[in-house]
Amino acid sequence: MSNDLIYNWSFSSEKQRGNLWYIIALSIIIWLVVWGFFTRQYIFSILVILVTWVYFFVENNSESLITVQVTNLWIKVNNFFYDFSKIENYSIIYSWENAILLRLELGKKGLRYLNLQIDNNIALNLKQILPNFLNENENWELTFNEKIIKLLKL
């Protein structure tokens, strides 16, 4: 069986944040570190600095453009292949009437879900393609945590 390309799309993984977002985030981080030192919770302050550093490191070292390719054998996201046999099901998640995510439930222990940004046109095309290879879970929605992360642009 060959791996013929059926569909592909790209999306930007960069967050659209203004200067105000960075000013508020930096103010909160500095306040938490200073508060940790004043209340003698030094480990808390160190933890805040470490978490901030890891978040900054991951954000600045991730790919800015994500390319997704769907073939008849797998879904390829940049350089990673996800065989259809290893994907349990998929869901297209909407925010109001707009498609925002294609969520793949993977059969892995560590990385359980893979969320890929889509729009309504991509969703229409995927609804015709993916049922040939995967089962759809129509019950998935954004969780409360995901809504907060989306709102805060994290």
N, C-alpha and C. Protein backbone atom coordinates (compact mmCIF):
# COMPACT_ATOMS: atom_id res chain seq x y z
N MET A 1 0.84 -1.17 0.00
CA MET A 1 0.00 0.00 0.00
C MET A 1 0.89 1.24 0.00
N SER A 2 0.66 2.17 -0.88
CA SER A 2 1.50 3.37 -0.95
C SER A 2 0.96 4.45 0.00
N ASN A 3 1.81 5.41 0.27
CA ASN A 3 1.40 6.49 1.16
C ASN A 3 1.17 7.76 0.36
N ASP A 4 0.11 7.77 -0.44
CA ASP A 4 -0.22 8.91 -1.27
C ASP A 4 -0.79 10.04 -0.42
N LEU A 5 -0.35 11.26 -0.72
CA LEU A 5 -0.83 12.43 -0.01
C LEU A 5 -2.28 12.69 -0.37
N ILE A 6 -3.13 12.78 0.66
CA ILE A 6 -4.55 13.03 0.45
C ILE A 6 -4.89 14.49 0.72
N TYR A 7 -4.33 15.04 1.80
CA TYR A 7 -4.66 16.41 2.19
C TYR A 7 -3.52 16.97 3.04
N ASN A 8 -3.29 18.27 2.96
CA ASN A 8 -2.30 18.90 3.82
C ASN A 8 -2.69 20.34 4.12
N TRP A 9 -2.19 20.85 5.23
CA TRP A 9 -2.39 22.25 5.60
C TRP A 9 -1.29 22.66 6.56
N SER A 10 -1.14 23.95 6.74
CA SER A 10 -0.14 24.50 7.65
C SER A 10 -0.81 25.53 8.55
N PHE A 11 -0.24 25.71 9.72
CA PHE A 11 -0.72 26.75 10.63
C PHE A 11 0.45 27.26 11.46
N SER A 12 0.29 28.47 11.93
CA SER A 12 1.32 29.10 12.76
C SER A 12 1.10 28.72 14.21
N SER A 13 2.17 28.35 14.90
CA SER A 13 2.06 28.00 16.31
C SER A 13 2.40 29.18 17.22
N GLU A 14 2.69 30.33 16.62
CA GLU A 14 3.04 31.50 17.42
C GLU A 14 1.78 32.13 18.00
N LYS A 15 1.89 32.54 19.24
CA LYS A 15 0.78 33.20 19.93
C LYS A 15 0.78 34.68 19.56
N GLN A 16 -0.40 35.23 19.37
CA GLN A 16 -0.54 36.66 19.07
C GLN A 16 -0.73 37.41 20.38
N ARG A 17 0.38 37.89 20.94
CA ARG A 17 0.33 38.59 22.21
C ARG A 17 0.86 40.01 22.02
N GLY A 18 0.21 40.94 22.69
CA GLY A 18 0.66 42.33 22.64
C GLY A 18 1.66 42.61 23.75
N ASN A 19 2.19 43.82 23.74
CA ASN A 19 3.15 44.23 24.77
C ASN A 19 2.54 44.19 26.16
N LEU A 20 1.25 44.54 26.25
CA LEU A 20 0.58 44.53 27.56
C LEU A 20 0.60 43.15 28.19
N TRP A 21 0.44 42.10 27.38
CA TRP A 21 0.46 40.73 27.90
C TRP A 21 1.81 40.45 28.57
N TYR A 22 2.90 40.83 27.91
CA TYR A 22 4.23 40.57 28.46
C TYR A 22 4.48 41.41 29.71
N ILE A 23 4.01 42.63 29.73
CA ILE A 23 4.18 43.48 30.91
C ILE A 23 3.44 42.88 32.11
N ILE A 24 2.21 42.44 31.90
CA ILE A 24 1.43 41.84 32.99
C ILE A 24 2.06 40.53 33.45
N ALA A 25 2.47 39.68 32.51
CA ALA A 25 3.09 38.40 32.87
C ALA A 25 4.38 38.61 33.64
N LEU A 26 5.23 39.52 33.19
CA LEU A 26 6.48 39.79 33.89
C LEU A 26 6.23 40.38 35.27
N SER A 27 5.23 41.24 35.39
CA SER A 27 4.89 41.81 36.69
C SER A 27 4.44 40.73 37.67
N ILE A 28 3.61 39.80 37.20
CA ILE A 28 3.14 38.71 38.06
C ILE A 28 4.31 37.83 38.48
N ILE A 29 5.19 37.51 37.56
CA ILE A 29 6.34 36.66 37.88
C ILE A 29 7.24 37.33 38.91
N ILE A 30 7.56 38.60 38.69
CA ILE A 30 8.41 39.33 39.64
C ILE A 30 7.73 39.41 40.99
N TRP A 31 6.43 39.70 41.01
CA TRP A 31 5.70 39.79 42.27
C TRP A 31 5.74 38.44 43.02
N LEU A 32 5.54 37.34 42.31
CA LEU A 32 5.57 36.02 42.95
C LEU A 32 6.95 35.70 43.51
N VAL A 33 8.00 36.03 42.78
CA VAL A 33 9.37 35.76 43.25
C VAL A 33 9.68 36.61 44.49
N VAL A 34 9.36 37.90 44.43
CA VAL A 34 9.61 38.78 45.58
C VAL A 34 8.79 38.34 46.79
N TRP A 35 7.53 38.01 46.57
CA TRP A 35 6.67 37.55 47.66
C TRP A 35 7.24 36.27 48.28
N GLY A 36 7.73 35.37 47.44
CA GLY A 36 8.32 34.13 47.94
C GLY A 36 9.54 34.40 48.82
N PHE A 37 10.36 35.37 48.44
CA PHE A 37 11.53 35.70 49.27
C PHE A 37 11.13 36.39 50.56
N PHE A 38 10.16 37.31 50.50
CA PHE A 38 9.74 38.01 51.71
C PHE A 38 9.06 37.08 52.72
N THR A 39 8.38 36.07 52.24
CA THR A 39 7.71 35.12 53.14
C THR A 39 8.58 33.90 53.41
N ARG A 40 9.84 33.98 53.01
CA ARG A 40 10.83 32.92 53.23
C ARG A 40 10.45 31.58 52.59
N GLN A 41 9.78 31.68 51.48
CA GLN A 41 9.44 30.49 50.70
C GLN A 41 10.35 30.47 49.48
N TYR A 42 11.61 30.22 49.75
CA TYR A 42 12.64 30.32 48.72
C TYR A 42 12.45 29.29 47.62
N ILE A 43 12.02 28.11 47.99
CA ILE A 43 11.82 27.06 46.98
C ILE A 43 10.70 27.46 46.03
N PHE A 44 9.67 28.12 46.56
CA PHE A 44 8.58 28.61 45.71
C PHE A 44 9.12 29.61 44.69
N SER A 45 9.96 30.54 45.14
CA SER A 45 10.54 31.53 44.23
C SER A 45 11.40 30.87 43.16
N ILE A 46 12.20 29.90 43.58
CA ILE A 46 13.04 29.17 42.62
C ILE A 46 12.18 28.41 41.63
N LEU A 47 11.10 27.81 42.12
CA LEU A 47 10.18 27.07 41.25
C LEU A 47 9.52 28.00 40.23
N VAL A 48 9.12 29.18 40.65
CA VAL A 48 8.52 30.15 39.71
C VAL A 48 9.53 30.52 38.63
N ILE A 49 10.77 30.76 39.01
CA ILE A 49 11.81 31.09 38.04
C ILE A 49 12.05 29.93 37.08
N LEU A 50 12.11 28.70 37.60
CA LEU A 50 12.34 27.52 36.75
C LEU A 50 11.18 27.29 35.77
N VAL A 51 9.95 27.40 36.25
CA VAL A 51 8.79 27.20 35.38
C VAL A 51 8.76 28.27 34.30
N THR A 52 9.06 29.51 34.67
CA THR A 52 9.11 30.60 33.69
C THR A 52 10.19 30.33 32.64
N TRP A 53 11.35 29.90 33.10
CA TRP A 53 12.45 29.61 32.18
C TRP A 53 12.09 28.48 31.23
N VAL A 54 11.49 27.41 31.74
CA VAL A 54 11.11 26.27 30.88
C VAL A 54 10.06 26.72 29.87
N TYR A 55 9.05 27.47 30.30
CA TYR A 55 8.01 27.95 29.39
C TYR A 55 8.63 28.82 28.30
N PHE A 56 9.50 29.74 28.67
CA PHE A 56 10.18 30.61 27.71
C PHE A 56 11.02 29.79 26.74
N PHE A 57 11.74 28.80 27.26
CA PHE A 57 12.59 27.93 26.43
C PHE A 57 11.76 27.16 25.42
N VAL A 58 10.67 26.57 25.86
CA VAL A 58 9.82 25.77 24.97
C VAL A 58 9.18 26.66 23.91
N GLU A 59 8.67 27.82 24.31
CA GLU A 59 8.02 28.73 23.36
C GLU A 59 8.98 29.22 22.29
N ASN A 60 10.22 29.51 22.66
CA ASN A 60 11.17 30.07 21.71
C ASN A 60 11.88 29.01 20.87
N ASN A 61 11.79 27.77 21.24
CA ASN A 61 12.47 26.71 20.48
C ASN A 61 11.51 25.79 19.74
N SER A 62 10.24 26.14 19.71
CA SER A 62 9.30 25.32 18.95
C SER A 62 9.19 25.85 17.53
N GLU A 63 8.71 25.01 16.65
CA GLU A 63 8.55 25.39 15.24
C GLU A 63 7.50 26.49 15.13
N SER A 64 7.76 27.49 14.29
CA SER A 64 6.79 28.56 14.14
C SER A 64 5.70 28.20 13.13
N LEU A 65 6.02 27.34 12.17
CA LEU A 65 5.04 26.89 11.19
C LEU A 65 4.92 25.37 11.27
N ILE A 66 3.71 24.90 11.52
CA ILE A 66 3.44 23.47 11.62
C ILE A 66 2.77 23.02 10.33
N THR A 67 3.32 21.98 9.70
CA THR A 67 2.76 21.43 8.47
C THR A 67 2.19 20.05 8.77
N VAL A 68 0.94 19.84 8.36
CA VAL A 68 0.25 18.58 8.59
C VAL A 68 -0.07 17.95 7.25
N GLN A 69 0.25 16.67 7.12
CA GLN A 69 -0.04 15.93 5.89
C GLN A 69 -0.83 14.68 6.26
N VAL A 70 -1.91 14.45 5.52
CA VAL A 70 -2.72 13.24 5.71
C VAL A 70 -2.50 12.36 4.50
N THR A 71 -2.06 11.13 4.75
CA THR A 71 -1.92 10.15 3.68
C THR A 71 -2.88 9.00 3.99
N ASN A 72 -2.85 7.96 3.19
CA ASN A 72 -3.72 6.82 3.47
C ASN A 72 -3.12 5.86 4.50
N LEU A 73 -1.92 6.19 5.03
CA LEU A 73 -1.29 5.35 6.06
C LEU A 73 -1.13 6.07 7.39
N TRP A 74 -0.95 7.37 7.37
CA TRP A 74 -0.65 8.10 8.59
C TRP A 74 -0.98 9.58 8.45
N ILE A 75 -0.84 10.25 9.60
CA ILE A 75 -0.87 11.70 9.64
C ILE A 75 0.53 12.14 10.04
N LYS A 76 1.12 13.01 9.24
CA LYS A 76 2.46 13.49 9.51
C LYS A 76 2.36 14.95 9.97
N VAL A 77 2.94 15.23 11.15
CA VAL A 77 2.98 16.58 11.70
C VAL A 77 4.45 16.97 11.77
N ASN A 78 4.85 17.89 10.89
CA ASN A 78 6.26 18.23 10.68
C ASN A 78 7.05 16.96 10.41
N ASN A 79 7.90 16.51 11.32
CA ASN A 79 8.71 15.31 11.08
C ASN A 79 8.24 14.10 11.87
N PHE A 80 7.06 14.17 12.48
CA PHE A 80 6.56 13.07 13.30
C PHE A 80 5.40 12.38 12.58
N PHE A 81 5.44 11.06 12.56
CA PHE A 81 4.42 10.26 11.90
C PHE A 81 3.51 9.63 12.95
N TYR A 82 2.21 9.69 12.70
CA TYR A 82 1.22 9.05 13.58
C TYR A 82 0.41 8.10 12.72
N ASP A 83 0.72 6.79 12.84
CA ASP A 83 0.00 5.77 12.07
C ASP A 83 -1.47 5.76 12.49
N PHE A 84 -2.34 5.53 11.51
CA PHE A 84 -3.77 5.45 11.82
C PHE A 84 -4.05 4.33 12.82
N SER A 85 -3.25 3.27 12.80
CA SER A 85 -3.47 2.17 13.74
C SER A 85 -3.16 2.57 15.19
N LYS A 86 -2.36 3.63 15.38
CA LYS A 86 -2.00 4.09 16.71
C LYS A 86 -2.91 5.22 17.20
N ILE A 87 -3.79 5.71 16.33
CA ILE A 87 -4.72 6.78 16.70
C ILE A 87 -6.06 6.13 17.01
N GLU A 88 -6.55 6.34 18.24
CA GLU A 88 -7.80 5.69 18.64
C GLU A 88 -9.02 6.34 18.00
N ASN A 89 -9.09 7.66 18.01
CA ASN A 89 -10.16 8.38 17.34
C ASN A 89 -9.80 9.85 17.20
N TYR A 90 -10.67 10.59 16.58
CA TYR A 90 -10.43 12.01 16.36
C TYR A 90 -11.70 12.79 16.67
N SER A 91 -11.53 14.07 16.84
CA SER A 91 -12.67 14.95 17.06
C SER A 91 -12.34 16.32 16.50
N ILE A 92 -13.34 16.96 15.96
CA ILE A 92 -13.20 18.35 15.52
C ILE A 92 -13.90 19.19 16.57
N ILE A 93 -13.13 20.08 17.18
CA ILE A 93 -13.64 20.88 18.29
C ILE A 93 -13.95 22.28 17.79
N TYR A 94 -15.13 22.74 18.18
CA TYR A 94 -15.62 24.05 17.75
C TYR A 94 -15.68 25.01 18.93
N SER A 95 -15.47 26.28 18.61
CA SER A 95 -15.72 27.36 19.55
C SER A 95 -16.82 28.19 18.91
N TRP A 96 -18.00 28.09 19.47
CA TRP A 96 -19.22 28.62 18.88
C TRP A 96 -19.44 27.92 17.55
N GLU A 97 -19.39 28.61 16.45
CA GLU A 97 -19.61 27.98 15.14
C GLU A 97 -18.31 27.77 14.37
N ASN A 98 -17.19 28.11 14.95
CA ASN A 98 -15.91 28.04 14.26
C ASN A 98 -15.10 26.83 14.70
N ALA A 99 -14.65 26.06 13.73
CA ALA A 99 -13.77 24.93 14.03
C ALA A 99 -12.42 25.50 14.45
N ILE A 100 -11.88 25.00 15.57
CA ILE A 100 -10.59 25.52 16.04
C ILE A 100 -9.53 24.44 16.18
N LEU A 101 -9.95 23.19 16.46
CA LEU A 101 -8.97 22.13 16.71
C LEU A 101 -9.39 20.82 16.09
N LEU A 102 -8.40 20.11 15.57
CA LEU A 102 -8.54 18.69 15.28
C LEU A 102 -7.81 17.98 16.40
N ARG A 103 -8.53 17.23 17.21
CA ARG A 103 -7.93 16.52 18.34
C ARG A 103 -7.83 15.04 18.00
N LEU A 104 -6.60 14.54 18.06
CA LEU A 104 -6.35 13.11 17.84
C LEU A 104 -6.08 12.46 19.17
N GLU A 105 -6.79 11.40 19.48
CA GLU A 105 -6.53 10.63 20.70
C GLU A 105 -5.56 9.52 20.34
N LEU A 106 -4.36 9.64 20.89
CA LEU A 106 -3.30 8.70 20.56
C LEU A 106 -3.30 7.54 21.55
N GLY A 107 -2.79 6.42 21.11
CA GLY A 107 -2.70 5.25 21.97
C GLY A 107 -1.43 5.23 22.80
N LYS A 108 -0.80 6.39 23.00
CA LYS A 108 0.44 6.46 23.75
C LYS A 108 0.15 6.76 25.22
N LYS A 109 1.12 6.43 26.07
CA LYS A 109 0.94 6.72 27.49
C LYS A 109 1.27 8.17 27.83
N GLY A 110 2.36 8.71 27.32
CA GLY A 110 2.77 10.06 27.68
C GLY A 110 1.95 11.12 26.97
N LEU A 111 2.05 11.15 25.66
CA LEU A 111 1.32 12.11 24.85
C LEU A 111 -0.01 11.49 24.47
N ARG A 112 -1.05 11.84 25.19
CA ARG A 112 -2.35 11.20 25.02
C ARG A 112 -3.17 11.84 23.90
N TYR A 113 -3.09 13.17 23.79
CA TYR A 113 -3.86 13.90 22.78
C TYR A 113 -2.94 14.78 21.97
N LEU A 114 -3.28 14.95 20.71
CA LEU A 114 -2.57 15.86 19.83
C LEU A 114 -3.59 16.82 19.25
N ASN A 115 -3.43 18.11 19.53
CA ASN A 115 -4.34 19.14 19.04
C ASN A 115 -3.70 19.89 17.90
N LEU A 116 -4.40 19.97 16.78
CA LEU A 116 -3.92 20.66 15.59
C LEU A 116 -4.92 21.75 15.23
N GLN A 117 -4.42 22.96 14.99
CA GLN A 117 -5.30 24.08 14.65
C GLN A 117 -5.88 23.90 13.26
N ILE A 118 -7.18 24.18 13.16
CA ILE A 118 -7.87 24.11 11.87
C ILE A 118 -8.85 25.27 11.79
N ASP A 119 -9.43 25.44 10.61
CA ASP A 119 -10.52 26.39 10.44
C ASP A 119 -11.71 25.64 9.82
N ASN A 120 -12.78 26.34 9.50
CA ASN A 120 -13.99 25.68 9.01
C ASN A 120 -13.77 24.97 7.67
N ASN A 121 -12.98 25.56 6.77
CA ASN A 121 -12.73 24.92 5.47
C ASN A 121 -11.95 23.62 5.63
N ILE A 122 -10.93 23.65 6.48
CA ILE A 122 -10.15 22.44 6.73
C ILE A 122 -11.04 21.38 7.39
N ALA A 123 -11.89 21.81 8.33
CA ALA A 123 -12.79 20.87 9.01
C ALA A 123 -13.73 20.18 8.03
N LEU A 124 -14.26 20.93 7.06
CA LEU A 124 -15.14 20.32 6.06
C LEU A 124 -14.41 19.27 5.24
N ASN A 125 -13.18 19.57 4.85
CA ASN A 125 -12.40 18.59 4.08
C ASN A 125 -12.05 17.37 4.92
N LEU A 126 -11.66 17.59 6.17
CA LEU A 126 -11.28 16.46 7.03
C LEU A 126 -12.47 15.57 7.37
N LYS A 127 -13.67 16.16 7.46
CA LYS A 127 -14.87 15.35 7.75
C LYS A 127 -15.18 14.38 6.61
N GLN A 128 -14.69 14.66 5.44
CA GLN A 128 -14.88 13.76 4.31
C GLN A 128 -13.77 12.71 4.22
N ILE A 129 -12.57 13.06 4.73
CA ILE A 129 -11.41 12.18 4.59
C ILE A 129 -11.23 11.23 5.78
N LEU A 130 -11.22 11.79 6.98
CA LEU A 130 -10.84 11.00 8.16
C LEU A 130 -11.78 9.84 8.50
N PRO A 131 -13.09 9.93 8.27
CA PRO A 131 -13.93 8.76 8.59
C PRO A 131 -13.55 7.49 7.84
N ASN A 132 -12.81 7.62 6.75
CA ASN A 132 -12.35 6.45 6.01
C ASN A 132 -11.26 5.69 6.77
N PHE A 133 -10.62 6.36 7.74
CA PHE A 133 -9.48 5.76 8.44
C PHE A 133 -9.66 5.68 9.95
N LEU A 134 -10.46 6.58 10.53
CA LEU A 134 -10.58 6.68 11.98
C LEU A 134 -12.04 6.83 12.40
N ASN A 135 -12.30 6.53 13.68
CA ASN A 135 -13.61 6.77 14.26
C ASN A 135 -13.66 8.19 14.82
N GLU A 136 -14.80 8.83 14.69
CA GLU A 136 -14.95 10.19 15.21
C GLU A 136 -15.64 10.17 16.57
N ASN A 137 -15.11 10.95 17.49
CA ASN A 137 -15.73 11.15 18.79
C ASN A 137 -16.35 12.55 18.76
N GLU A 138 -17.67 12.61 18.66
CA GLU A 138 -18.35 13.89 18.51
C GLU A 138 -18.64 14.56 19.85
N ASN A 139 -18.28 13.94 20.96
CA ASN A 139 -18.62 14.47 22.27
C ASN A 139 -17.55 15.37 22.89
N TRP A 140 -16.39 15.46 22.27
CA TRP A 140 -15.32 16.26 22.85
C TRP A 140 -15.60 17.74 22.71
N GLU A 141 -15.25 18.47 23.75
CA GLU A 141 -15.32 19.92 23.75
C GLU A 141 -14.07 20.43 24.43
N LEU A 142 -13.86 21.74 24.37
CA LEU A 142 -12.75 22.32 25.11
C LEU A 142 -13.02 22.17 26.60
N THR A 143 -12.01 21.73 27.34
CA THR A 143 -12.16 21.63 28.78
C THR A 143 -12.04 23.02 29.40
N PHE A 144 -12.39 23.13 30.66
CA PHE A 144 -12.29 24.40 31.36
C PHE A 144 -10.86 24.92 31.33
N ASN A 145 -9.90 24.02 31.57
CA ASN A 145 -8.48 24.43 31.54
C ASN A 145 -8.08 24.93 30.16
N GLU A 146 -8.53 24.26 29.11
CA GLU A 146 -8.19 24.69 27.75
C GLU A 146 -8.81 26.05 27.42
N LYS A 147 -10.01 26.30 27.93
CA LYS A 147 -10.64 27.60 27.72
C LYS A 147 -9.85 28.70 28.42
N ILE A 148 -9.37 28.42 29.64
CA ILE A 148 -8.57 29.40 30.38
C ILE A 148 -7.24 29.64 29.64
N ILE A 149 -6.59 28.58 29.18
CA ILE A 149 -5.32 28.71 28.46
C ILE A 149 -5.53 29.51 27.18
N LYS A 150 -6.63 29.26 26.48
CA LYS A 150 -6.91 30.00 25.26
C LYS A 150 -7.18 31.47 25.57
N LEU A 151 -7.92 31.75 26.64
CA LEU A 151 -8.22 33.11 27.04
C LEU A 151 -6.97 33.88 27.43
N LEU A 152 -6.08 33.22 28.18
CA LEU A 152 -4.84 33.88 28.65
C LEU A 152 -3.72 33.85 27.61
N LYS A 153 -3.96 33.19 26.47
CA LYS A 153 -2.98 33.08 25.37
C LYS A 153 -1.68 32.44 25.84
N LEU A 154 -1.79 31.38 26.62
CA LEU A 154 -0.60 30.66 27.10
C LEU A 154 -0.17 29.61 26.12
